[in-house]
Amino acid sequence: MLQHHDAFEPSAETFIELACRNPYNRAVLERLHELEVPDTWLVAGCLYQTVWNVLSDRPVTENIKDYDIFYFDDRDTSYEAEDRVIQRARSVFWDLDIEIEVRNQARVHLWYEKRFGHPHVPLESSRHGISSFLVRGTCVAIAPDDAGGMRAESPYGLAEMFDGVLRANRPHAKPDLFAAKAASYQARWPWLRIVEWGAQDVTAG
């Protein structure tokens, strides 16, 4: 049983507050504009895994492998253009002792099949990429807003993330990829509950 689960409402405000308890998330978000690329978000694991750590009463950075940044720029989908942004990120975040991965969502379909064995539809925005993660409850992101605060993106809501439900994001998730991803999460946070592929609600994806 989680010690603090009932103390947190699964709202955007709570999500942002908990995610920013991780000092690395906070630092990346504060500097995100320095990358000078469009439609830029801090996404996925570093956010929901921080929340899971808070709910588990564990150190906020524990078991977080990397920190992912999405942007969308379809003006140049070459590897060279993306690599220039990656190099800029190394300069911007040079003092943070974390692994940061930057990916232009406009070119995901160019490399995804070779890496994962399944084709990927061309994405239309960073939000489109965020909505395409394998597990529904992990489709989350945070970015600075124009007023100096933060805004959250969660196309399927936040309840499953806070409840620790790992449900395939159909039709984006394939059974083999979903099973591997969900097992990896549950190995690190044993209280997470996997909804097996055969038991998935086909209307949920």
N, C-alpha and C. Protein backbone atom coordinates (compact mmCIF):
# COMPACT_ATOMS: atom_id res chain seq x y z
N MET A 1 0.85 -1.20 0.00
CA MET A 1 0.00 0.00 0.00
C MET A 1 0.88 1.25 0.00
N LEU A 2 0.56 2.20 -0.87
CA LEU A 2 1.33 3.43 -0.93
C LEU A 2 0.98 4.33 0.24
N GLN A 3 2.00 4.95 0.80
CA GLN A 3 1.78 5.75 1.99
C GLN A 3 1.05 7.06 1.71
N HIS A 4 1.28 7.64 0.53
CA HIS A 4 0.79 9.00 0.31
C HIS A 4 -0.19 9.11 -0.85
N HIS A 5 -0.62 7.99 -1.42
CA HIS A 5 -1.42 8.04 -2.65
C HIS A 5 -2.67 8.90 -2.49
N ASP A 6 -3.41 8.72 -1.41
CA ASP A 6 -4.68 9.42 -1.24
C ASP A 6 -4.51 10.91 -0.97
N ALA A 7 -3.29 11.34 -0.70
CA ALA A 7 -3.06 12.75 -0.39
C ALA A 7 -2.98 13.62 -1.63
N PHE A 8 -2.93 13.02 -2.82
CA PHE A 8 -2.70 13.79 -4.04
C PHE A 8 -3.85 13.63 -5.03
N GLU A 9 -4.40 14.75 -5.44
CA GLU A 9 -5.42 14.77 -6.48
C GLU A 9 -4.75 14.68 -7.84
N PRO A 10 -5.22 13.79 -8.74
CA PRO A 10 -4.58 13.66 -10.06
C PRO A 10 -4.93 14.80 -11.00
N SER A 11 -4.48 15.99 -10.64
CA SER A 11 -4.73 17.18 -11.44
C SER A 11 -3.44 17.64 -12.11
N ALA A 12 -3.57 18.52 -13.10
CA ALA A 12 -2.39 19.06 -13.77
C ALA A 12 -1.49 19.81 -12.79
N GLU A 13 -2.12 20.56 -11.88
CA GLU A 13 -1.35 21.33 -10.91
C GLU A 13 -0.55 20.41 -9.99
N THR A 14 -1.17 19.34 -9.53
CA THR A 14 -0.47 18.39 -8.67
C THR A 14 0.64 17.68 -9.42
N PHE A 15 0.35 17.28 -10.66
CA PHE A 15 1.36 16.62 -11.48
C PHE A 15 2.59 17.50 -11.65
N ILE A 16 2.40 18.76 -12.00
CA ILE A 16 3.52 19.68 -12.19
C ILE A 16 4.29 19.85 -10.88
N GLU A 17 3.56 20.02 -9.77
CA GLU A 17 4.22 20.23 -8.48
C GLU A 17 5.06 19.03 -8.09
N LEU A 18 4.52 17.83 -8.26
CA LEU A 18 5.27 16.63 -7.89
C LEU A 18 6.46 16.40 -8.82
N ALA A 19 6.24 16.58 -10.13
CA ALA A 19 7.33 16.38 -11.09
C ALA A 19 8.48 17.34 -10.82
N CYS A 20 8.16 18.56 -10.41
CA CYS A 20 9.20 19.56 -10.18
C CYS A 20 9.88 19.40 -8.82
N ARG A 21 9.45 18.43 -8.03
CA ARG A 21 10.23 18.10 -6.83
C ARG A 21 11.56 17.47 -7.21
N ASN A 22 11.62 16.92 -8.40
CA ASN A 22 12.88 16.41 -8.93
C ASN A 22 13.68 17.62 -9.42
N PRO A 23 14.81 17.94 -8.80
CA PRO A 23 15.55 19.15 -9.17
C PRO A 23 16.05 19.14 -10.61
N TYR A 24 16.27 17.96 -11.17
CA TYR A 24 16.71 17.90 -12.57
C TYR A 24 15.56 18.29 -13.51
N ASN A 25 14.36 17.82 -13.22
CA ASN A 25 13.22 18.25 -14.03
C ASN A 25 13.07 19.76 -13.99
N ARG A 26 13.16 20.31 -12.81
CA ARG A 26 13.00 21.75 -12.63
C ARG A 26 14.07 22.52 -13.41
N ALA A 27 15.31 22.05 -13.33
CA ALA A 27 16.41 22.73 -14.02
C ALA A 27 16.24 22.65 -15.53
N VAL A 28 15.86 21.48 -16.05
CA VAL A 28 15.66 21.35 -17.50
C VAL A 28 14.54 22.26 -17.97
N LEU A 29 13.44 22.28 -17.25
CA LEU A 29 12.31 23.12 -17.65
C LEU A 29 12.68 24.60 -17.63
N GLU A 30 13.46 25.01 -16.67
CA GLU A 30 13.86 26.41 -16.59
C GLU A 30 14.74 26.84 -17.76
N ARG A 31 15.45 25.89 -18.37
CA ARG A 31 16.37 26.22 -19.47
C ARG A 31 15.85 25.79 -20.84
N LEU A 32 14.68 25.21 -20.90
CA LEU A 32 14.20 24.60 -22.13
C LEU A 32 14.17 25.58 -23.29
N HIS A 33 13.84 26.84 -23.00
CA HIS A 33 13.76 27.84 -24.07
C HIS A 33 15.11 28.11 -24.73
N GLU A 34 16.20 27.77 -24.03
CA GLU A 34 17.53 28.04 -24.58
C GLU A 34 17.87 27.13 -25.76
N LEU A 35 17.10 26.08 -25.97
CA LEU A 35 17.32 25.22 -27.14
C LEU A 35 16.89 25.91 -28.43
N GLU A 36 15.98 26.87 -28.32
CA GLU A 36 15.56 27.69 -29.46
C GLU A 36 15.00 26.84 -30.60
N VAL A 37 14.16 25.87 -30.25
CA VAL A 37 13.47 25.06 -31.24
C VAL A 37 11.98 25.08 -30.92
N PRO A 38 11.12 24.85 -31.92
CA PRO A 38 9.67 24.96 -31.69
C PRO A 38 9.06 23.74 -31.01
N ASP A 39 7.93 23.99 -30.35
CA ASP A 39 7.09 22.92 -29.79
C ASP A 39 7.92 22.01 -28.90
N THR A 40 8.53 22.58 -27.87
CA THR A 40 9.51 21.89 -27.03
C THR A 40 8.89 21.50 -25.69
N TRP A 41 9.08 20.24 -25.29
CA TRP A 41 8.51 19.71 -24.06
C TRP A 41 9.49 18.78 -23.36
N LEU A 42 9.43 18.76 -22.04
CA LEU A 42 10.06 17.70 -21.25
C LEU A 42 8.99 16.62 -21.11
N VAL A 43 9.35 15.38 -21.42
CA VAL A 43 8.31 14.36 -21.56
C VAL A 43 8.63 13.08 -20.78
N ALA A 44 7.58 12.33 -20.55
CA ALA A 44 7.62 10.90 -20.24
C ALA A 44 8.32 10.55 -18.93
N GLY A 45 9.27 9.61 -19.01
CA GLY A 45 9.79 8.91 -17.84
C GLY A 45 10.23 9.76 -16.68
N CYS A 46 10.98 10.79 -16.93
CA CYS A 46 11.49 11.61 -15.84
C CYS A 46 10.36 12.29 -15.07
N LEU A 47 9.19 12.41 -15.70
CA LEU A 47 8.04 13.05 -15.06
C LEU A 47 7.21 12.04 -14.28
N TYR A 48 6.65 11.04 -14.99
CA TYR A 48 5.78 10.10 -14.28
C TYR A 48 6.56 9.23 -13.31
N GLN A 49 7.84 8.98 -13.58
CA GLN A 49 8.63 8.19 -12.64
C GLN A 49 8.95 8.98 -11.38
N THR A 50 9.11 10.29 -11.51
CA THR A 50 9.24 11.12 -10.31
C THR A 50 7.97 11.04 -9.48
N VAL A 51 6.81 11.11 -10.12
CA VAL A 51 5.54 10.99 -9.40
C VAL A 51 5.46 9.64 -8.70
N TRP A 52 5.81 8.56 -9.41
CA TRP A 52 5.78 7.23 -8.79
C TRP A 52 6.73 7.16 -7.60
N ASN A 53 7.86 7.83 -7.68
CA ASN A 53 8.78 7.84 -6.54
C ASN A 53 8.18 8.58 -5.35
N VAL A 54 7.53 9.70 -5.62
CA VAL A 54 6.88 10.43 -4.53
C VAL A 54 5.81 9.56 -3.88
N LEU A 55 4.98 8.92 -4.70
CA LEU A 55 3.92 8.07 -4.18
C LEU A 55 4.48 6.87 -3.42
N SER A 56 5.68 6.45 -3.79
CA SER A 56 6.33 5.30 -3.14
C SER A 56 7.16 5.71 -1.93
N ASP A 57 7.22 7.02 -1.64
CA ASP A 57 8.05 7.54 -0.55
C ASP A 57 9.51 7.15 -0.74
N ARG A 58 9.98 7.31 -2.00
CA ARG A 58 11.36 7.02 -2.36
C ARG A 58 12.04 8.30 -2.83
N PRO A 59 13.37 8.33 -2.91
CA PRO A 59 14.05 9.51 -3.43
C PRO A 59 13.53 9.87 -4.82
N VAL A 60 13.34 11.14 -5.08
CA VAL A 60 12.61 11.56 -6.29
C VAL A 60 13.34 11.21 -7.58
N THR A 61 14.65 11.04 -7.55
CA THR A 61 15.39 10.73 -8.78
C THR A 61 15.70 9.24 -8.92
N GLU A 62 15.26 8.42 -8.00
CA GLU A 62 15.62 7.00 -7.99
C GLU A 62 15.05 6.27 -9.21
N ASN A 63 15.88 5.43 -9.82
CA ASN A 63 15.48 4.57 -10.94
C ASN A 63 15.07 5.31 -12.20
N ILE A 64 15.41 6.57 -12.31
CA ILE A 64 15.12 7.33 -13.53
C ILE A 64 16.36 7.26 -14.43
N LYS A 65 16.19 6.68 -15.61
CA LYS A 65 17.34 6.40 -16.47
C LYS A 65 17.77 7.60 -17.29
N ASP A 66 16.80 8.37 -17.77
CA ASP A 66 17.15 9.51 -18.62
C ASP A 66 16.04 10.56 -18.61
N TYR A 67 16.31 11.67 -19.26
CA TYR A 67 15.41 12.82 -19.30
C TYR A 67 15.20 13.18 -20.78
N ASP A 68 13.96 13.02 -21.23
CA ASP A 68 13.65 13.14 -22.66
C ASP A 68 13.03 14.49 -23.00
N ILE A 69 13.53 15.07 -24.07
CA ILE A 69 13.01 16.34 -24.58
C ILE A 69 12.51 16.12 -26.00
N PHE A 70 11.28 16.51 -26.25
CA PHE A 70 10.71 16.48 -27.59
C PHE A 70 10.65 17.89 -28.15
N TYR A 71 10.89 18.01 -29.45
CA TYR A 71 10.54 19.24 -30.18
C TYR A 71 10.05 18.81 -31.55
N PHE A 72 9.43 19.74 -32.25
CA PHE A 72 8.91 19.40 -33.58
C PHE A 72 9.32 20.49 -34.55
N ASP A 73 10.13 20.09 -35.54
CA ASP A 73 10.59 21.02 -36.57
C ASP A 73 10.67 20.27 -37.88
N ASP A 74 9.65 20.44 -38.72
CA ASP A 74 9.61 19.71 -39.99
C ASP A 74 10.26 20.48 -41.14
N ARG A 75 10.93 21.58 -40.83
CA ARG A 75 11.61 22.35 -41.88
C ARG A 75 12.87 21.63 -42.35
N ASP A 76 13.46 20.84 -41.47
CA ASP A 76 14.65 20.07 -41.82
C ASP A 76 14.64 18.79 -40.98
N THR A 77 14.34 17.67 -41.61
CA THR A 77 14.25 16.41 -40.87
C THR A 77 15.51 15.55 -41.02
N SER A 78 16.61 16.17 -41.38
CA SER A 78 17.86 15.43 -41.49
C SER A 78 18.43 15.13 -40.11
N TYR A 79 19.23 14.07 -40.04
CA TYR A 79 19.92 13.75 -38.80
C TYR A 79 20.85 14.89 -38.39
N GLU A 80 21.46 15.52 -39.39
CA GLU A 80 22.42 16.60 -39.09
C GLU A 80 21.76 17.76 -38.37
N ALA A 81 20.54 18.11 -38.79
CA ALA A 81 19.82 19.20 -38.13
C ALA A 81 19.48 18.83 -36.69
N GLU A 82 19.00 17.59 -36.50
CA GLU A 82 18.69 17.14 -35.15
C GLU A 82 19.95 17.10 -34.29
N ASP A 83 21.05 16.67 -34.87
CA ASP A 83 22.29 16.57 -34.11
C ASP A 83 22.77 17.94 -33.64
N ARG A 84 22.51 18.98 -34.43
CA ARG A 84 22.89 20.33 -33.99
C ARG A 84 22.13 20.71 -32.72
N VAL A 85 20.87 20.32 -32.63
CA VAL A 85 20.09 20.60 -31.43
C VAL A 85 20.60 19.76 -30.26
N ILE A 86 20.96 18.53 -30.53
CA ILE A 86 21.52 17.66 -29.49
C ILE A 86 22.80 18.27 -28.92
N GLN A 87 23.64 18.78 -29.79
CA GLN A 87 24.88 19.41 -29.33
C GLN A 87 24.60 20.68 -28.54
N ARG A 88 23.58 21.43 -28.96
CA ARG A 88 23.20 22.63 -28.21
C ARG A 88 22.70 22.24 -26.82
N ALA A 89 21.96 21.15 -26.74
CA ALA A 89 21.47 20.69 -25.44
C ALA A 89 22.62 20.33 -24.51
N ARG A 90 23.66 19.73 -25.06
CA ARG A 90 24.82 19.40 -24.23
C ARG A 90 25.44 20.65 -23.63
N SER A 91 25.41 21.72 -24.38
CA SER A 91 25.93 22.99 -23.88
C SER A 91 25.01 23.61 -22.84
N VAL A 92 23.71 23.57 -23.10
CA VAL A 92 22.73 24.18 -22.20
C VAL A 92 22.68 23.45 -20.86
N PHE A 93 22.76 22.12 -20.90
CA PHE A 93 22.59 21.32 -19.68
C PHE A 93 23.89 20.69 -19.21
N TRP A 94 25.01 21.29 -19.54
CA TRP A 94 26.32 20.69 -19.34
C TRP A 94 26.59 20.32 -17.88
N ASP A 95 26.02 21.07 -16.93
CA ASP A 95 26.35 20.87 -15.52
C ASP A 95 25.42 19.91 -14.81
N LEU A 96 24.43 19.37 -15.52
CA LEU A 96 23.50 18.44 -14.89
C LEU A 96 24.01 17.01 -15.08
N ASP A 97 24.16 16.29 -14.02
CA ASP A 97 24.73 14.94 -14.07
C ASP A 97 23.64 13.92 -14.39
N ILE A 98 23.05 14.08 -15.58
CA ILE A 98 21.97 13.21 -16.02
C ILE A 98 22.12 12.96 -17.51
N GLU A 99 21.48 11.89 -17.99
CA GLU A 99 21.45 11.61 -19.42
C GLU A 99 20.23 12.28 -20.03
N ILE A 100 20.45 13.15 -21.00
CA ILE A 100 19.37 13.86 -21.66
C ILE A 100 19.30 13.41 -23.11
N GLU A 101 18.10 13.07 -23.56
CA GLU A 101 17.89 12.63 -24.94
C GLU A 101 16.94 13.61 -25.62
N VAL A 102 17.37 14.19 -26.73
CA VAL A 102 16.58 15.16 -27.47
C VAL A 102 16.19 14.55 -28.80
N ARG A 103 14.89 14.62 -29.14
CA ARG A 103 14.43 14.02 -30.39
C ARG A 103 13.44 14.94 -31.10
N ASN A 104 13.71 15.17 -32.39
CA ASN A 104 12.78 15.90 -33.25
C ASN A 104 11.66 14.95 -33.66
N GLN A 105 10.46 15.23 -33.23
CA GLN A 105 9.33 14.34 -33.51
C GLN A 105 8.94 14.31 -34.98
N ALA A 106 9.43 15.28 -35.74
CA ALA A 106 9.14 15.30 -37.17
C ALA A 106 9.89 14.22 -37.94
N ARG A 107 10.87 13.60 -37.31
CA ARG A 107 11.64 12.58 -38.03
C ARG A 107 11.61 11.20 -37.36
N VAL A 108 10.72 11.00 -36.39
CA VAL A 108 10.63 9.71 -35.71
C VAL A 108 10.35 8.58 -36.68
N HIS A 109 9.46 8.81 -37.63
CA HIS A 109 9.08 7.73 -38.56
C HIS A 109 10.25 7.30 -39.46
N LEU A 110 11.30 8.10 -39.51
CA LEU A 110 12.44 7.78 -40.37
C LEU A 110 13.35 6.72 -39.75
N TRP A 111 13.33 6.59 -38.41
CA TRP A 111 14.24 5.65 -37.76
C TRP A 111 13.55 4.61 -36.88
N TYR A 112 12.28 4.79 -36.58
CA TYR A 112 11.61 3.97 -35.58
C TYR A 112 11.59 2.48 -35.96
N GLU A 113 11.24 2.17 -37.20
CA GLU A 113 11.10 0.77 -37.58
C GLU A 113 12.43 0.03 -37.48
N LYS A 114 13.51 0.66 -37.88
CA LYS A 114 14.82 0.01 -37.80
C LYS A 114 15.19 -0.30 -36.35
N ARG A 115 14.80 0.58 -35.43
CA ARG A 115 15.17 0.40 -34.02
C ARG A 115 14.23 -0.55 -33.29
N PHE A 116 12.92 -0.48 -33.57
CA PHE A 116 11.95 -1.23 -32.78
C PHE A 116 11.24 -2.35 -33.55
N GLY A 117 11.43 -2.42 -34.86
CA GLY A 117 10.83 -3.50 -35.62
C GLY A 117 9.41 -3.27 -36.07
N HIS A 118 8.88 -2.09 -35.81
CA HIS A 118 7.52 -1.74 -36.24
C HIS A 118 7.55 -0.35 -36.89
N PRO A 119 6.77 -0.14 -37.93
CA PRO A 119 6.72 1.21 -38.53
C PRO A 119 6.00 2.19 -37.62
N HIS A 120 6.22 3.46 -37.82
CA HIS A 120 5.57 4.52 -37.04
C HIS A 120 5.01 5.54 -38.01
N VAL A 121 3.78 5.96 -37.78
CA VAL A 121 3.19 6.97 -38.66
C VAL A 121 3.94 8.28 -38.49
N PRO A 122 4.03 9.11 -39.54
CA PRO A 122 4.63 10.43 -39.38
C PRO A 122 3.85 11.24 -38.35
N LEU A 123 4.55 11.87 -37.45
CA LEU A 123 3.91 12.68 -36.42
C LEU A 123 3.69 14.10 -36.92
N GLU A 124 2.69 14.75 -36.37
CA GLU A 124 2.31 16.08 -36.82
C GLU A 124 2.70 17.17 -35.83
N SER A 125 3.12 16.79 -34.63
CA SER A 125 3.49 17.76 -33.59
C SER A 125 4.13 16.99 -32.44
N SER A 126 4.70 17.71 -31.50
CA SER A 126 5.20 17.05 -30.30
C SER A 126 4.07 16.42 -29.51
N ARG A 127 2.93 17.10 -29.45
CA ARG A 127 1.77 16.54 -28.75
C ARG A 127 1.34 15.21 -29.37
N HIS A 128 1.42 15.11 -30.68
CA HIS A 128 1.10 13.85 -31.36
C HIS A 128 2.05 12.76 -30.88
N GLY A 129 3.32 13.09 -30.76
CA GLY A 129 4.28 12.12 -30.25
C GLY A 129 3.99 11.72 -28.81
N ILE A 130 3.63 12.70 -27.98
CA ILE A 130 3.31 12.43 -26.58
C ILE A 130 2.12 11.50 -26.46
N SER A 131 1.15 11.66 -27.34
CA SER A 131 -0.06 10.83 -27.29
C SER A 131 0.19 9.41 -27.82
N SER A 132 1.38 9.15 -28.35
CA SER A 132 1.67 7.87 -29.00
C SER A 132 2.53 6.94 -28.16
N PHE A 133 2.80 7.27 -26.91
CA PHE A 133 3.60 6.38 -26.07
C PHE A 133 2.91 5.03 -25.90
N LEU A 134 3.68 4.01 -25.60
CA LEU A 134 3.15 2.65 -25.53
C LEU A 134 2.13 2.45 -24.41
N VAL A 135 2.30 3.15 -23.30
CA VAL A 135 1.43 2.99 -22.13
C VAL A 135 0.63 4.27 -21.94
N ARG A 136 -0.71 4.14 -21.87
CA ARG A 136 -1.58 5.31 -21.84
C ARG A 136 -1.25 6.27 -20.69
N GLY A 137 -1.06 5.72 -19.50
CA GLY A 137 -0.84 6.57 -18.35
C GLY A 137 0.48 7.31 -18.34
N THR A 138 1.38 6.95 -19.26
CA THR A 138 2.68 7.61 -19.34
C THR A 138 2.70 8.69 -20.43
N CYS A 139 1.58 8.95 -21.05
CA CYS A 139 1.50 9.99 -22.09
C CYS A 139 1.36 11.35 -21.42
N VAL A 140 2.46 11.87 -20.92
CA VAL A 140 2.45 13.13 -20.19
C VAL A 140 3.67 13.95 -20.56
N ALA A 141 3.55 15.26 -20.38
CA ALA A 141 4.65 16.17 -20.69
C ALA A 141 4.41 17.49 -19.96
N ILE A 142 5.48 18.25 -19.80
CA ILE A 142 5.41 19.57 -19.18
C ILE A 142 6.27 20.52 -19.99
N ALA A 143 5.81 21.77 -20.12
CA ALA A 143 6.58 22.82 -20.80
C ALA A 143 6.32 24.15 -20.11
N PRO A 144 7.25 25.08 -20.21
CA PRO A 144 6.99 26.42 -19.69
C PRO A 144 5.87 27.08 -20.49
N ASP A 145 5.06 27.91 -19.81
CA ASP A 145 4.04 28.67 -20.54
C ASP A 145 4.49 30.11 -20.74
N ASP A 146 3.68 30.87 -21.43
CA ASP A 146 4.07 32.24 -21.77
C ASP A 146 3.99 33.19 -20.58
N ALA A 147 3.40 32.74 -19.49
CA ALA A 147 3.23 33.61 -18.32
C ALA A 147 4.29 33.35 -17.25
N GLY A 148 5.28 32.53 -17.57
CA GLY A 148 6.33 32.24 -16.61
C GLY A 148 6.05 31.05 -15.72
N GLY A 149 4.94 30.36 -15.99
CA GLY A 149 4.61 29.17 -15.22
C GLY A 149 4.86 27.91 -16.03
N MET A 150 4.11 26.87 -15.71
CA MET A 150 4.25 25.59 -16.41
C MET A 150 2.88 25.11 -16.88
N ARG A 151 2.87 24.37 -17.97
CA ARG A 151 1.65 23.76 -18.48
C ARG A 151 1.91 22.28 -18.69
N ALA A 152 0.88 21.49 -18.50
CA ALA A 152 0.99 20.05 -18.63
C ALA A 152 0.19 19.56 -19.83
N GLU A 153 0.66 18.49 -20.44
CA GLU A 153 -0.04 17.80 -21.51
C GLU A 153 -0.30 16.37 -21.05
N SER A 154 -1.56 15.93 -21.10
CA SER A 154 -1.91 14.56 -20.71
C SER A 154 -3.16 14.16 -21.48
N PRO A 155 -2.99 13.73 -22.73
CA PRO A 155 -4.14 13.49 -23.62
C PRO A 155 -5.13 12.46 -23.11
N TYR A 156 -4.71 11.56 -22.22
CA TYR A 156 -5.62 10.53 -21.70
C TYR A 156 -5.89 10.72 -20.22
N GLY A 157 -5.62 11.91 -19.72
CA GLY A 157 -5.82 12.18 -18.31
C GLY A 157 -4.66 11.70 -17.45
N LEU A 158 -4.79 11.91 -16.15
CA LEU A 158 -3.70 11.62 -15.21
C LEU A 158 -4.03 10.51 -14.22
N ALA A 159 -5.27 10.03 -14.22
CA ALA A 159 -5.69 9.07 -13.21
C ALA A 159 -4.88 7.78 -13.27
N GLU A 160 -4.64 7.24 -14.48
CA GLU A 160 -3.91 5.98 -14.57
C GLU A 160 -2.47 6.13 -14.11
N MET A 161 -1.85 7.27 -14.36
CA MET A 161 -0.49 7.49 -13.87
C MET A 161 -0.48 7.49 -12.35
N PHE A 162 -1.40 8.23 -11.73
CA PHE A 162 -1.43 8.31 -10.27
C PHE A 162 -1.84 6.98 -9.65
N ASP A 163 -2.67 6.20 -10.34
CA ASP A 163 -3.12 4.92 -9.81
C ASP A 163 -2.16 3.78 -10.12
N GLY A 164 -1.13 4.06 -10.92
CA GLY A 164 -0.15 3.02 -11.25
C GLY A 164 -0.68 1.96 -12.20
N VAL A 165 -1.61 2.34 -13.06
CA VAL A 165 -2.18 1.40 -14.03
C VAL A 165 -1.38 1.45 -15.33
N LEU A 166 -0.89 0.31 -15.76
CA LEU A 166 -0.13 0.21 -17.01
C LEU A 166 -1.02 -0.47 -18.05
N ARG A 167 -1.62 0.34 -18.91
CA ARG A 167 -2.54 -0.14 -19.93
C ARG A 167 -2.00 0.23 -21.30
N ALA A 168 -2.06 -0.69 -22.23
CA ALA A 168 -1.55 -0.43 -23.58
C ALA A 168 -2.30 0.73 -24.23
N ASN A 169 -1.57 1.56 -24.92
CA ASN A 169 -2.13 2.71 -25.64
C ASN A 169 -2.45 2.27 -27.07
N ARG A 170 -3.56 1.59 -27.23
CA ARG A 170 -3.95 1.15 -28.56
C ARG A 170 -4.41 2.35 -29.38
N PRO A 171 -4.14 2.37 -30.71
CA PRO A 171 -3.46 1.35 -31.50
C PRO A 171 -1.94 1.55 -31.58
N HIS A 172 -1.38 2.43 -30.75
CA HIS A 172 0.04 2.76 -30.86
C HIS A 172 0.95 1.65 -30.32
N ALA A 173 0.48 0.91 -29.30
CA ALA A 173 1.33 -0.10 -28.68
C ALA A 173 1.15 -1.45 -29.35
N LYS A 174 2.26 -2.12 -29.63
CA LYS A 174 2.25 -3.49 -30.09
C LYS A 174 2.46 -4.42 -28.88
N PRO A 175 1.87 -5.63 -28.89
CA PRO A 175 1.93 -6.49 -27.69
C PRO A 175 3.34 -6.72 -27.15
N ASP A 176 4.31 -6.97 -28.04
CA ASP A 176 5.65 -7.27 -27.56
C ASP A 176 6.32 -6.05 -26.94
N LEU A 177 6.16 -4.90 -27.58
CA LEU A 177 6.77 -3.69 -27.05
C LEU A 177 6.12 -3.27 -25.74
N PHE A 178 4.78 -3.37 -25.68
CA PHE A 178 4.07 -3.02 -24.45
C PHE A 178 4.48 -3.92 -23.30
N ALA A 179 4.55 -5.22 -23.55
CA ALA A 179 4.90 -6.17 -22.48
C ALA A 179 6.28 -5.88 -21.91
N ALA A 180 7.24 -5.60 -22.78
CA ALA A 180 8.60 -5.31 -22.32
C ALA A 180 8.64 -4.02 -21.52
N LYS A 181 7.96 -3.00 -22.02
CA LYS A 181 7.96 -1.71 -21.33
C LYS A 181 7.29 -1.82 -19.97
N ALA A 182 6.11 -2.45 -19.91
CA ALA A 182 5.38 -2.57 -18.66
C ALA A 182 6.17 -3.38 -17.64
N ALA A 183 6.82 -4.46 -18.09
CA ALA A 183 7.61 -5.28 -17.18
C ALA A 183 8.78 -4.50 -16.61
N SER A 184 9.39 -3.66 -17.43
CA SER A 184 10.50 -2.83 -16.96
C SER A 184 10.05 -1.87 -15.88
N TYR A 185 8.88 -1.26 -16.07
CA TYR A 185 8.35 -0.35 -15.06
C TYR A 185 8.03 -1.09 -13.76
N GLN A 186 7.35 -2.23 -13.88
CA GLN A 186 6.94 -2.95 -12.69
C GLN A 186 8.14 -3.49 -11.91
N ALA A 187 9.23 -3.81 -12.60
CA ALA A 187 10.43 -4.27 -11.91
C ALA A 187 11.01 -3.18 -11.02
N ARG A 188 10.83 -1.94 -11.43
CA ARG A 188 11.36 -0.82 -10.65
C ARG A 188 10.37 -0.29 -9.62
N TRP A 189 9.08 -0.37 -9.93
CA TRP A 189 8.02 0.07 -9.02
C TRP A 189 7.01 -1.07 -8.89
N PRO A 190 7.25 -2.03 -8.00
CA PRO A 190 6.46 -3.27 -7.96
C PRO A 190 4.96 -3.07 -7.73
N TRP A 191 4.55 -1.93 -7.18
CA TRP A 191 3.13 -1.71 -6.92
C TRP A 191 2.33 -1.38 -8.18
N LEU A 192 3.01 -1.10 -9.29
CA LEU A 192 2.30 -0.82 -10.53
C LEU A 192 1.51 -2.05 -10.98
N ARG A 193 0.35 -1.82 -11.58
CA ARG A 193 -0.52 -2.91 -11.99
C ARG A 193 -0.61 -2.96 -13.52
N ILE A 194 -0.18 -4.07 -14.09
CA ILE A 194 -0.23 -4.25 -15.54
C ILE A 194 -1.59 -4.79 -15.95
N VAL A 195 -2.25 -4.13 -16.87
CA VAL A 195 -3.47 -4.65 -17.47
C VAL A 195 -3.02 -5.46 -18.68
N GLU A 196 -3.12 -6.77 -18.59
CA GLU A 196 -2.60 -7.64 -19.63
C GLU A 196 -3.27 -7.36 -20.97
N TRP A 197 -2.52 -7.57 -22.04
CA TRP A 197 -3.00 -7.23 -23.38
C TRP A 197 -4.35 -7.86 -23.69
N GLY A 198 -4.54 -9.13 -23.34
CA GLY A 198 -5.80 -9.80 -23.64
C GLY A 198 -6.97 -9.26 -22.85
N ALA A 199 -6.67 -8.55 -21.74
CA ALA A 199 -7.74 -8.00 -20.91
C ALA A 199 -7.98 -6.52 -21.19
N GLN A 200 -7.27 -5.97 -22.20
CA GLN A 200 -7.38 -4.55 -22.50
C GLN A 200 -8.80 -4.21 -22.96
N ASP A 201 -9.27 -3.07 -22.51
CA ASP A 201 -10.54 -2.54 -23.02
C ASP A 201 -10.27 -1.95 -24.40
N VAL A 202 -10.82 -2.54 -25.44
CA VAL A 202 -10.49 -2.10 -26.80
C VAL A 202 -11.00 -0.69 -27.07
N THR A 203 -11.88 -0.17 -26.23
CA THR A 203 -12.38 1.19 -26.43
C THR A 203 -11.49 2.22 -25.76
N ALA A 204 -10.46 1.75 -25.01
CA ALA A 204 -9.64 2.66 -24.23
C ALA A 204 -8.52 3.28 -25.05
N GLY A 205 -8.19 2.75 -26.19
CA GLY A 205 -7.04 3.25 -26.92
C GLY A 205 -7.41 4.07 -28.11
